Amino acid sequence: MMKTNELKKGCRVQLTNGWYATMFDDRKGDTRMAIVEGHVTETDMVYSHDIVRAECNNVWVMVTHTPKQTSLRALTHTLGF
């Protein structure tokens, strides 16, 4: 298991919608900058709570979220985001 705040620039991640992304920053917090491979490939902010798993050193591990990120997830889903 890995916390979202431990994700470093260059780590590959999978999002809740199934898309993949590459971390573009070393920040911590509720949003992170990433190169998202979706319908198009673009650099954009992603919610940390939408990161499901990460690949670091060629090993995929599940990602855990802070209580604040978990509550933000509940709030954004309630609002329809």
Protein backbone atom coordinates (compact mmCIF):
# COMPACT_ATOMS: atom_id res chain seq x y z
CA MET A 1 0.00 0.00 0.00
CA MET A 2 1.09 3.55 -0.73
CA LYS A 3 -0.35 6.93 0.29
CA THR A 4 -1.19 9.47 -2.40
CA ASN A 5 1.20 11.93 -0.80
CA GLU A 6 4.07 9.47 -1.43
CA LEU A 7 3.57 9.53 -5.21
CA LYS A 8 6.52 11.15 -6.96
CA LYS A 9 6.89 12.76 -10.36
CA GLY A 10 7.03 10.07 -13.05
CA CYS A 11 4.97 7.44 -11.17
CA ARG A 12 2.33 5.87 -13.37
CA VAL A 13 -1.14 5.69 -11.82
CA GLN A 14 -4.57 4.33 -12.66
CA LEU A 15 -7.65 6.47 -12.00
CA THR A 16 -11.09 5.34 -10.83
CA ASN A 17 -12.50 5.70 -14.36
CA GLY A 18 -9.87 3.25 -15.71
CA TRP A 19 -7.66 5.83 -17.42
CA TYR A 20 -3.93 5.96 -16.80
CA ALA A 21 -1.82 8.97 -15.93
CA THR A 22 1.76 9.90 -15.14
CA MET A 23 2.39 12.14 -12.14
CA PHE A 24 3.74 15.52 -13.21
CA ASP A 25 4.57 16.97 -9.77
CA ASP A 26 5.92 16.03 -6.34
CA ARG A 27 3.28 17.95 -4.39
CA LYS A 28 1.02 16.68 -1.66
CA GLY A 29 -2.66 17.36 -1.16
CA ASP A 30 -6.13 16.93 -2.60
CA THR A 31 -5.21 17.68 -6.23
CA ARG A 32 -2.18 16.66 -8.24
CA MET A 33 -0.88 17.58 -11.68
CA ALA A 34 -0.68 14.63 -14.06
CA ILE A 35 -0.42 13.75 -17.75
CA VAL A 36 -3.75 12.00 -18.23
CA GLU A 37 -4.27 9.51 -21.06
CA GLY A 38 -8.00 9.66 -21.70
CA HIS A 39 -9.93 10.48 -24.84
CA VAL A 40 -6.95 12.75 -25.50
CA THR A 41 -3.63 13.01 -23.67
CA GLU A 42 -3.38 16.22 -21.67
CA THR A 43 -1.72 17.66 -18.62
CA ASP A 44 -4.34 18.49 -16.01
CA MET A 45 -5.18 18.42 -12.33
CA VAL A 46 -6.64 15.20 -10.89
CA TYR A 47 -8.21 14.64 -7.51
CA SER A 48 -5.95 12.53 -5.29
CA HIS A 49 -8.97 10.48 -4.22
CA ASP A 50 -9.42 9.37 -7.87
CA ILE A 51 -6.05 7.58 -7.88
CA VAL A 52 -6.63 3.86 -7.35
CA ARG A 53 -3.20 2.29 -7.77
CA ALA A 54 0.33 3.26 -8.71
CA GLU A 55 3.27 1.70 -10.52
CA CYS A 56 6.63 2.51 -9.00
CA ASN A 57 9.72 0.39 -9.68
CA ASN A 58 7.70 -1.85 -12.05
CA VAL A 59 5.32 -2.97 -9.28
CA TRP A 60 1.64 -1.98 -9.08
CA VAL A 61 0.45 -1.17 -5.54
CA MET A 62 -2.91 -0.01 -4.21
CA VAL A 63 -3.17 3.58 -3.03
CA THR A 64 -4.68 4.68 0.28
CA HIS A 65 -6.24 8.06 0.92
CA THR A 66 -6.19 10.45 3.86
CA PRO A 67 -9.42 11.05 5.80
CA LYS A 68 -9.64 14.52 4.21
CA GLN A 69 -9.36 13.03 0.70
CA THR A 70 -12.01 10.44 1.54
CA SER A 71 -14.44 13.12 2.75
CA LEU A 72 -13.75 15.23 -0.35
CA ARG A 73 -14.56 12.19 -2.51
CA ALA A 74 -17.92 11.83 -0.75
CA LEU A 75 -18.63 15.54 -1.21
CA THR A 76 -17.74 15.62 -4.93
CA HIS A 77 -19.85 12.53 -5.64
CA THR A 78 -22.77 14.05 -3.75
CA LEU A 79 -22.49 17.17 -5.92
CA GLY A 80 -22.23 15.08 -9.10
CA PHE A 81 -18.60 15.67 -10.04
